[in-house]
Amino acid sequence: MSEVLELADVTVRRGAKTILDGVSWTVSDGERWVVLGANGAGKTTALQLAAARLFPTSGTVRILDEELGSVEVAELRTRIGLASSALADRIPGGEKVLDVVLTASYGVTGRWRETYDELDTRRARDLLAAFGVAHLEDRTFGTLSEGERKRVQISRALMSDPELLLLDEPAAGLDLGGREELMRGLGELAGDRRSPVMVLVTHHVEEIPPGFDHVLLLRGGKVEAAGPLEEVLTPQHLSRTFGLDLEVERHRDRWSARAAAPAH
């Protein structure tokens, strides 16, 4: 299977409002994608489609060789890792960090009567260690800082060994130190060939981790441009995407953007 995710002429409407309008987008095996756009561009809606948590009003969505509308979504979701603020809000504040990660094996939030073996526990601890939060395993989720919560969520998203990893604004709310720690961890994950296909939503080019190689630009629910990062992340495309004259710079393996200086 070379195409992991495919949206073909997808439209999503809520009442009279069109959220996505005729979006076509293909993510292939081995790729790491960033979805960029202003508030209201349709980024999170596109990610919800990719996570099999939303159905299109029209068009076709294929995920991991399965078509939405003709597949059992509960089973499909076990093959997809998701980290988002909406999911984090459903995690009980009193849940221990280790259990937050473990419960992803059953696709639940909040440990109940399910059982886990030593291999499950070891994997959860390894994932926490990979993101530098192994020392927090006995803390409760509600006592963590925002940066710690983000790293625990990504560890949880990887627990089921997904084929597709979706990250909705993972750096939102982090200070500079927390953002850079997260970028380092995501960069290492992106550089590992054993890692799943990754799609990350953000508002900021500064939050594109090293190792990500493709970008989808959304504006007003439509595709502005999509393709390899170095070809698409141009001042022209980014300026149209955000409706502002922007300059784009690359510093080694990171990107930045700022408003262009006014002409004199």
Protein backbone atom coordinates (compact mmCIF):
# COMPACT_ATOMS: atom_id res chain seq x y z
CA MET A 1 0.00 0.00 0.00
CA SER A 2 1.58 3.30 -1.10
CA GLU A 3 -1.32 5.68 -0.37
CA VAL A 4 -1.97 5.90 3.36
CA LEU A 5 -4.51 8.73 3.20
CA GLU A 6 -6.50 10.04 0.25
CA LEU A 7 -9.11 12.79 0.13
CA ALA A 8 -10.79 13.09 -3.26
CA ASP A 9 -12.92 16.22 -3.90
CA VAL A 10 -13.98 16.30 -0.24
CA THR A 11 -16.46 18.87 1.02
CA VAL A 12 -17.58 19.27 4.64
CA ARG A 13 -20.56 21.47 5.52
CA ARG A 14 -22.05 22.30 8.89
CA GLY A 15 -25.43 23.86 8.36
CA ALA A 16 -25.01 26.65 5.82
CA LYS A 17 -21.26 26.92 6.42
CA THR A 18 -18.74 25.15 4.19
CA ILE A 19 -15.67 24.08 6.22
CA LEU A 20 -13.80 22.23 3.47
CA ASP A 21 -14.54 22.86 -0.19
CA GLY A 22 -13.48 20.32 -2.82
CA VAL A 23 -10.26 19.28 -1.09
CA SER A 24 -8.10 16.63 -2.75
CA TRP A 25 -4.97 15.48 -0.92
CA THR A 26 -2.87 12.32 -0.94
CA VAL A 27 -0.41 11.15 1.73
CA SER A 28 1.89 8.29 0.74
CA ASP A 29 3.81 5.74 2.76
CA GLY A 30 6.91 7.13 4.47
CA GLU A 31 5.90 10.79 4.23
CA ARG A 32 5.77 13.38 7.03
CA TRP A 33 3.23 16.14 6.36
CA VAL A 34 2.51 19.52 7.92
CA VAL A 35 -0.92 21.14 7.46
CA LEU A 36 -0.68 24.95 7.63
CA GLY A 37 -3.30 27.66 7.51
CA ALA A 38 -4.93 30.50 9.39
CA ASN A 39 -7.71 30.07 11.96
CA GLY A 40 -10.81 28.72 10.26
CA ALA A 41 -8.92 27.38 7.25
CA GLY A 42 -10.19 23.83 7.85
CA LYS A 43 -7.01 22.25 9.26
CA THR A 44 -8.57 20.48 12.24
CA THR A 45 -11.52 19.34 10.12
CA ALA A 46 -9.10 17.75 7.65
CA LEU A 47 -7.38 15.99 10.55
CA GLN A 48 -10.70 14.74 11.91
CA LEU A 49 -11.41 13.17 8.53
CA ALA A 50 -7.96 11.56 8.56
CA ALA A 51 -8.66 10.21 12.05
CA ALA A 52 -11.96 8.63 10.93
CA ARG A 53 -13.81 10.81 13.43
CA LEU A 54 -15.74 12.82 10.88
CA PHE A 55 -17.47 11.88 7.63
CA PRO A 56 -17.43 14.14 4.57
CA THR A 57 -20.60 15.76 3.25
CA SER A 58 -19.45 14.73 -0.22
CA GLY A 59 -16.36 13.25 -1.80
CA THR A 60 -14.31 10.21 -0.83
CA VAL A 61 -11.95 9.60 2.09
CA ARG A 62 -9.69 6.54 2.07
CA ILE A 63 -7.56 5.77 5.13
CA LEU A 64 -5.13 2.85 5.28
CA ASP A 65 -6.77 1.31 2.22
CA GLU A 66 -10.26 1.57 3.73
CA GLU A 67 -13.03 3.90 2.58
CA LEU A 68 -15.02 5.89 5.13
CA GLY A 69 -18.65 4.84 4.95
CA SER A 70 -17.88 1.21 4.14
CA VAL A 71 -15.64 0.23 7.05
CA GLU A 72 -16.06 -0.31 10.79
CA VAL A 73 -14.54 2.94 12.08
CA ALA A 74 -13.89 1.62 15.60
CA GLU A 75 -11.54 -0.98 14.15
CA LEU A 76 -9.92 1.52 11.78
CA ARG A 77 -9.24 3.97 14.60
CA THR A 78 -7.08 1.42 16.42
CA ARG A 79 -4.62 1.75 13.51
CA ILE A 80 -4.43 5.53 13.88
CA GLY A 81 -2.58 7.42 16.63
CA LEU A 82 -4.13 10.78 17.54
CA ALA A 83 -2.99 13.57 19.85
CA SER A 84 -5.30 16.57 20.11
CA SER A 85 -6.60 18.99 22.73
CA ALA A 86 -10.12 17.55 22.32
CA LEU A 87 -8.81 14.08 23.17
CA ALA A 88 -6.71 15.41 26.07
CA ASP A 89 -9.83 17.03 27.55
CA ARG A 90 -11.40 13.55 27.85
CA ILE A 91 -8.49 12.15 29.90
CA PRO A 92 -9.41 12.14 33.62
CA GLY A 93 -7.22 14.54 35.59
CA GLY A 94 -6.72 11.91 38.28
CA GLU A 95 -5.42 9.28 35.86
CA LYS A 96 -1.80 8.22 36.42
CA VAL A 97 0.51 9.07 33.54
CA LEU A 98 1.48 5.45 32.94
CA ASP A 99 -2.20 4.52 32.67
CA VAL A 100 -2.87 7.43 30.30
CA VAL A 101 -0.46 5.77 27.87
CA LEU A 102 -1.49 2.16 28.60
CA THR A 103 -5.20 2.72 27.99
CA ALA A 104 -4.50 3.66 24.36
CA SER A 105 -4.10 -0.10 23.77
CA TYR A 106 -7.87 -0.42 24.17
CA GLY A 107 -8.70 2.97 22.69
CA VAL A 108 -10.17 4.20 25.98
CA THR A 109 -9.48 7.13 28.29
CA GLY A 110 -9.56 6.17 31.95
CA ARG A 111 -8.49 2.78 33.23
CA TRP A 112 -11.29 0.47 34.31
CA ARG A 113 -11.27 -3.36 34.32
CA GLU A 114 -9.04 -4.03 31.35
CA THR A 115 -5.76 -5.85 31.98
CA TYR A 116 -2.27 -5.29 30.57
CA ASP A 117 0.73 -7.59 30.46
CA GLU A 118 4.37 -6.80 31.14
CA LEU A 119 5.06 -6.13 27.45
CA ASP A 120 2.37 -3.42 27.44
CA THR A 121 3.82 -1.81 30.54
CA ARG A 122 7.35 -1.94 29.18
CA ARG A 123 6.27 -0.34 25.88
CA ALA A 124 4.42 2.46 27.71
CA ARG A 125 7.50 3.17 29.83
CA ASP A 126 9.78 3.12 26.77
CA LEU A 127 7.56 5.64 25.01
CA LEU A 128 7.49 7.94 28.03
CA ALA A 129 11.28 7.69 28.20
CA ALA A 130 11.61 8.51 24.49
CA PHE A 131 9.86 11.84 25.12
CA GLY A 132 11.68 12.58 28.37
CA VAL A 133 8.78 12.08 30.76
CA ALA A 134 9.46 8.61 32.19
CA HIS A 135 9.98 10.15 35.65
CA LEU A 136 6.33 11.27 35.63
CA GLU A 137 4.71 7.83 35.33
CA ASP A 138 3.21 7.92 38.83
CA ARG A 139 2.06 11.53 38.63
CA THR A 140 -1.56 12.28 37.74
CA PHE A 141 -2.29 13.81 34.35
CA GLY A 142 -3.99 16.85 35.86
CA THR A 143 -0.86 17.90 37.74
CA LEU A 144 1.38 18.10 34.66
CA SER A 145 2.57 21.24 32.94
CA GLU A 146 1.31 21.90 29.42
CA GLY A 147 4.60 20.74 27.92
CA GLU A 148 4.55 17.53 29.95
CA ARG A 149 0.96 16.86 28.95
CA LYS A 150 1.81 17.27 25.26
CA ARG A 151 4.66 14.74 25.47
CA VAL A 152 2.51 12.25 27.39
CA GLN A 153 -0.21 12.60 24.73
CA ILE A 154 2.23 11.80 21.93
CA SER A 155 3.52 8.80 23.89
CA ARG A 156 -0.09 7.66 24.21
CA ALA A 157 -0.72 8.18 20.49
CA LEU A 158 2.17 5.83 19.69
CA MET A 159 1.15 3.13 22.19
CA SER A 160 -0.89 1.03 19.74
CA ASP A 161 1.96 1.06 17.18
CA PRO A 162 -0.19 3.00 14.69
CA GLU A 163 0.29 3.08 10.94
CA LEU A 164 -0.73 6.75 10.84
CA LEU A 165 0.11 9.36 13.51
CA LEU A 166 -1.95 12.58 13.62
CA LEU A 167 -0.88 15.54 15.77
CA ASP A 168 -3.21 18.53 16.11
CA GLU A 169 -1.22 21.63 17.14
CA PRO A 170 1.14 19.73 19.48
CA ALA A 171 3.12 22.87 20.34
CA ALA A 172 0.11 25.08 21.13
CA GLY A 173 0.42 26.74 24.53
CA LEU A 174 4.08 25.85 25.05
CA ASP A 175 6.79 28.31 26.00
CA LEU A 176 9.95 28.52 23.90
CA GLY A 177 11.81 25.88 25.90
CA GLY A 178 8.88 23.48 25.85
CA ARG A 179 8.36 23.98 22.13
CA GLU A 180 12.00 23.31 21.31
CA GLU A 181 12.09 20.15 23.45
CA LEU A 182 8.99 18.91 21.64
CA MET A 183 10.43 19.81 18.22
CA ARG A 184 13.57 17.83 19.04
CA GLY A 185 11.55 14.77 20.02
CA LEU A 186 9.29 14.98 16.97
CA GLY A 187 12.32 15.47 14.74
CA GLU A 188 13.88 12.28 16.05
CA LEU A 189 10.59 10.44 15.52
CA ALA A 190 10.28 11.78 11.96
CA GLY A 191 13.82 10.66 11.18
CA ASP A 192 13.19 7.07 12.26
CA ARG A 193 12.19 4.94 9.26
CA ARG A 194 10.24 2.64 11.60
CA SER A 195 7.93 5.49 12.59
CA PRO A 196 4.43 5.70 11.15
CA VAL A 197 3.35 8.18 8.50
CA MET A 198 2.93 11.51 10.31
CA VAL A 199 0.58 14.47 9.79
CA LEU A 200 0.97 17.55 12.00
CA VAL A 201 -1.36 20.56 12.07
CA THR A 202 -0.01 23.97 13.07
CA HIS A 203 -0.47 27.71 12.48
CA HIS A 204 3.24 28.49 12.54
CA VAL A 205 6.11 27.53 10.24
CA GLU A 206 8.40 27.74 13.29
CA GLU A 207 6.59 24.64 14.59
CA ILE A 208 7.56 22.43 11.65
CA PRO A 209 9.85 19.76 13.17
CA PRO A 210 13.05 18.66 11.43
CA GLY A 211 12.48 15.70 9.13
CA PHE A 212 9.04 16.75 7.88
CA ASP A 213 9.08 16.78 4.10
CA HIS A 214 5.64 17.76 2.74
CA VAL A 215 3.15 20.55 3.41
CA LEU A 216 -0.54 21.16 2.72
CA LEU A 217 -1.57 24.83 2.71
CA LEU A 218 -5.26 25.51 3.35
CA ARG A 219 -7.04 28.82 2.88
CA GLY A 220 -10.75 29.27 3.45
CA GLY A 221 -11.37 25.52 3.27
CA LYS A 222 -9.59 25.12 -0.06
CA VAL A 223 -6.14 23.84 -1.01
CA GLU A 224 -3.77 26.71 -1.72
CA ALA A 225 -0.88 24.36 -2.48
CA ALA A 226 0.41 20.91 -1.53
CA GLY A 227 3.62 19.00 -2.09
CA PRO A 228 7.28 18.81 -1.04
CA LEU A 229 8.12 21.33 1.69
CA GLU A 230 10.93 23.08 -0.15
CA GLU A 231 8.79 23.59 -3.26
CA VAL A 232 5.58 24.72 -1.55
CA LEU A 233 6.76 26.75 1.45
CA THR A 234 7.52 29.87 -0.61
CA PRO A 235 6.78 33.51 0.23
CA GLN A 236 4.19 33.59 -2.57
CA HIS A 237 2.25 30.54 -1.42
CA LEU A 238 2.48 31.44 2.27
CA SER A 239 1.45 35.06 1.67
CA ARG A 240 -1.69 33.91 -0.17
CA THR A 241 -2.43 31.33 2.53
CA PHE A 242 -2.39 33.90 5.35
CA GLY A 243 -3.50 36.97 3.37
CA LEU A 244 -0.38 38.90 4.33
CA ASP A 245 2.87 39.76 2.56
CA LEU A 246 5.36 37.38 4.22
CA GLU A 247 9.04 36.62 4.07
CA VAL A 248 10.12 33.01 4.59
CA GLU A 249 13.55 31.89 5.78
CA ARG A 250 15.18 28.56 6.41
CA HIS A 251 17.77 28.09 9.14
CA ARG A 252 19.39 24.67 8.72
CA ASP A 253 16.45 22.29 9.29
CA ARG A 254 13.97 24.85 10.67
CA TRP A 255 11.76 27.49 9.08
CA SER A 256 10.53 30.95 10.06
CA ALA A 257 8.19 33.56 8.60
CA ARG A 258 7.54 37.22 9.30
CA ALA A 259 5.74 40.14 7.71
CA ALA A 260 7.70 41.66 4.85
CA ALA A 261 9.19 45.08 5.48
CA PRO A 262 7.19 47.87 3.82
CA ALA A 263 8.68 49.30 0.66
CA HIS A 264 10.04 52.84 0.96
